[in-house]
Amino acid sequence: MSLYFPMFVDLSERTVLFIGAGRVNAGRIAAMLDFAGHIMVVAPEADERVTAMSEAGLIDFHRRRFDEQDLEGADIVVIATGHAGTDVRIAGMCRRRGITVNAASDKSLCDFYFPGIARKDPLVVGVTASGEDHKMAAEATAYFKKILKDNR
């Protein structure tokens, strides 16, 4: 098992592209709102939370299928399409372009893991179990959220 180094990165001037707008990416998009300079989402269908974020002007949502041109200008890509083959194909496109990528369907496609996040400004706690134990990471995140009184 490889351990992942917890590196905190300034994304305030970066574009994060989310491909897929279902339950998994809806939570990730919501967690990223206060961190990324620009969030773009591409998906033919969306979780109601994604639709609400789009209607509030918080994200740039394109209700359609992914096109390789969507990668133009993306600094980070987060993939959760629900189709493993599609995720592999898009992750390959990202790698060829040198774009940092995370794919929910397969940790071997990930350059980084999306952490559990607990906050009490200015403190930010990021939690990962290096992709090995999602339940443990979720429990630790819930613990830190409780301590920090983070209701996000």
Protein backbone atom coordinates (compact mmCIF):
# COMPACT_ATOMS: atom_id res chain seq x y z
CA MET A 1 0.00 0.00 0.00
CA SER A 2 1.26 3.46 -0.90
CA LEU A 3 0.64 6.26 1.55
CA TYR A 4 -0.47 9.55 0.07
CA PHE A 5 1.17 12.76 1.25
CA PRO A 6 -1.40 15.31 2.51
CA MET A 7 -0.53 18.31 0.37
CA PHE A 8 -2.63 21.47 0.58
CA VAL A 9 -2.82 23.39 -2.68
CA ASP A 10 -4.08 26.87 -3.55
CA LEU A 11 -6.78 26.34 -6.18
CA SER A 12 -8.17 29.87 -6.05
CA GLU A 13 -6.84 30.62 -9.55
CA ARG A 14 -7.44 27.13 -10.95
CA THR A 15 -10.16 25.45 -12.98
CA VAL A 16 -11.49 22.14 -11.70
CA LEU A 17 -13.51 20.09 -14.19
CA PHE A 18 -15.98 17.55 -12.85
CA ILE A 19 -17.16 14.94 -15.34
CA GLY A 20 -20.33 13.36 -14.05
CA ALA A 21 -22.87 15.05 -11.80
CA GLY A 22 -24.36 12.20 -9.78
CA ARG A 23 -24.31 11.66 -6.02
CA VAL A 24 -20.54 11.12 -5.73
CA ASN A 25 -19.48 14.20 -7.67
CA ALA A 26 -22.29 16.32 -6.18
CA GLY A 27 -20.65 15.96 -2.76
CA ARG A 28 -17.21 16.60 -4.17
CA ILE A 29 -18.35 19.69 -6.04
CA ALA A 30 -19.98 21.08 -2.89
CA ALA A 31 -16.77 20.44 -0.94
CA MET A 32 -14.69 22.22 -3.62
CA LEU A 33 -16.83 25.39 -3.84
CA ASP A 34 -14.80 27.45 -1.36
CA PHE A 35 -11.46 26.33 -2.76
CA ALA A 36 -11.50 26.42 -6.59
CA GLY A 37 -11.45 29.58 -8.66
CA HIS A 38 -13.69 28.05 -11.32
CA ILE A 39 -15.71 24.85 -11.27
CA MET A 40 -16.99 23.42 -14.52
CA VAL A 41 -19.27 20.38 -14.62
CA VAL A 42 -20.14 18.29 -17.66
CA ALA A 43 -22.83 15.60 -17.48
CA PRO A 44 -26.00 14.64 -19.31
CA GLU A 45 -27.90 14.26 -16.02
CA ALA A 46 -27.40 15.83 -12.59
CA ASP A 47 -28.08 15.28 -8.92
CA GLU A 48 -30.46 17.96 -7.62
CA ARG A 49 -27.60 19.48 -5.58
CA VAL A 50 -25.61 20.10 -8.76
CA THR A 51 -28.63 21.68 -10.43
CA ALA A 52 -29.11 23.95 -7.40
CA MET A 53 -25.43 25.01 -7.43
CA SER A 54 -25.72 25.80 -11.13
CA GLU A 55 -28.92 27.79 -10.69
CA ALA A 56 -27.24 29.76 -7.87
CA GLY A 57 -24.38 30.65 -10.22
CA LEU A 58 -21.79 28.78 -8.15
CA ILE A 59 -20.66 26.46 -10.93
CA ASP A 60 -20.57 26.37 -14.72
CA PHE A 61 -22.75 23.35 -15.60
CA HIS A 62 -23.04 21.94 -19.11
CA ARG A 63 -25.87 19.38 -19.36
CA ARG A 64 -24.44 17.17 -22.09
CA ARG A 65 -22.02 14.34 -22.70
CA PHE A 66 -18.28 14.91 -22.20
CA ASP A 67 -16.20 16.01 -25.19
CA GLU A 68 -12.39 15.93 -25.17
CA GLN A 69 -12.37 19.69 -25.81
CA ASP A 70 -13.82 20.12 -22.30
CA LEU A 71 -10.30 19.43 -21.00
CA GLU A 72 -9.02 22.72 -22.48
CA GLY A 73 -8.06 24.98 -19.57
CA ALA A 74 -8.70 22.36 -16.87
CA ASP A 75 -6.05 22.17 -14.17
CA ILE A 76 -7.61 19.24 -12.30
CA VAL A 77 -10.23 16.73 -13.47
CA VAL A 78 -12.51 14.71 -11.19
CA ILE A 79 -14.31 11.85 -12.95
CA ALA A 80 -17.37 9.99 -11.65
CA THR A 81 -19.41 8.98 -14.68
CA GLY A 82 -20.68 5.67 -13.36
CA HIS A 83 -19.11 3.91 -16.34
CA ALA A 84 -15.68 2.38 -15.65
CA GLY A 85 -14.66 2.26 -19.33
CA THR A 86 -15.53 5.93 -19.81
CA ASP A 87 -13.54 6.84 -16.70
CA VAL A 88 -10.49 4.94 -18.00
CA ARG A 89 -10.73 6.66 -21.39
CA ILE A 90 -11.03 10.16 -19.89
CA ALA A 91 -8.26 9.53 -17.34
CA GLY A 92 -6.00 8.53 -20.25
CA MET A 93 -6.80 11.78 -22.05
CA CYS A 94 -5.92 13.72 -18.89
CA ARG A 95 -2.63 11.88 -18.43
CA ARG A 96 -1.61 12.53 -22.04
CA ARG A 97 -2.26 16.24 -21.47
CA GLY A 98 -0.50 16.32 -18.07
CA ILE A 99 -3.72 17.13 -16.19
CA THR A 100 -3.99 15.91 -12.61
CA VAL A 101 -6.91 13.46 -12.42
CA ASN A 102 -9.08 11.57 -9.94
CA ALA A 103 -11.48 8.83 -11.04
CA ALA A 104 -13.99 7.56 -8.50
CA SER A 105 -14.29 4.15 -10.17
CA ASP A 106 -10.65 3.04 -9.93
CA LYS A 107 -7.96 4.23 -7.53
CA SER A 108 -5.25 3.16 -10.00
CA LEU A 109 -6.45 5.99 -12.26
CA CYS A 110 -6.00 8.60 -9.51
CA ASP A 111 -3.12 11.05 -9.23
CA PHE A 112 -4.69 12.14 -5.93
CA TYR A 113 -7.46 11.05 -3.61
CA PHE A 114 -10.32 13.39 -2.85
CA PRO A 115 -10.14 13.88 0.94
CA GLY A 116 -12.82 14.05 3.55
CA ILE A 117 -12.87 17.69 4.66
CA ALA A 118 -13.65 19.29 8.02
CA ARG A 119 -13.32 23.04 8.52
CA LYS A 120 -13.37 25.81 11.04
CA ASP A 121 -11.87 28.76 9.22
CA PRO A 122 -9.00 29.18 8.81
CA LEU A 123 -8.38 25.55 9.82
CA VAL A 124 -8.90 22.89 7.15
CA VAL A 125 -8.54 19.19 7.98
CA GLY A 126 -8.17 16.74 5.09
CA VAL A 127 -8.63 13.02 5.73
CA THR A 128 -7.68 10.02 3.61
CA ALA A 129 -7.05 6.35 4.27
CA SER A 130 -4.88 6.20 1.13
CA GLY A 131 -7.77 4.69 -0.82
CA GLU A 132 -7.80 1.57 1.34
CA ASP A 133 -10.65 2.09 3.83
CA HIS A 134 -13.40 4.53 2.88
CA LYS A 135 -15.40 3.75 6.02
CA MET A 136 -12.44 4.63 8.26
CA ALA A 137 -11.87 7.89 6.37
CA ALA A 138 -15.59 8.79 6.61
CA GLU A 139 -15.62 8.08 10.35
CA ALA A 140 -12.50 10.19 10.91
CA THR A 141 -13.97 13.03 8.84
CA ALA A 142 -17.20 12.89 10.88
CA TYR A 143 -15.13 12.97 14.08
CA PHE A 144 -13.24 16.10 12.99
CA LYS A 145 -16.44 17.77 11.78
CA LYS A 146 -17.99 17.18 15.20
CA ILE A 147 -14.97 18.58 17.04
CA LEU A 148 -14.82 21.65 14.77
CA LYS A 149 -18.61 22.10 14.75
CA ASP A 150 -18.51 21.96 10.93
CA ASN A 151 -22.08 21.56 9.66
CA ARG A 152 -21.26 21.78 5.95
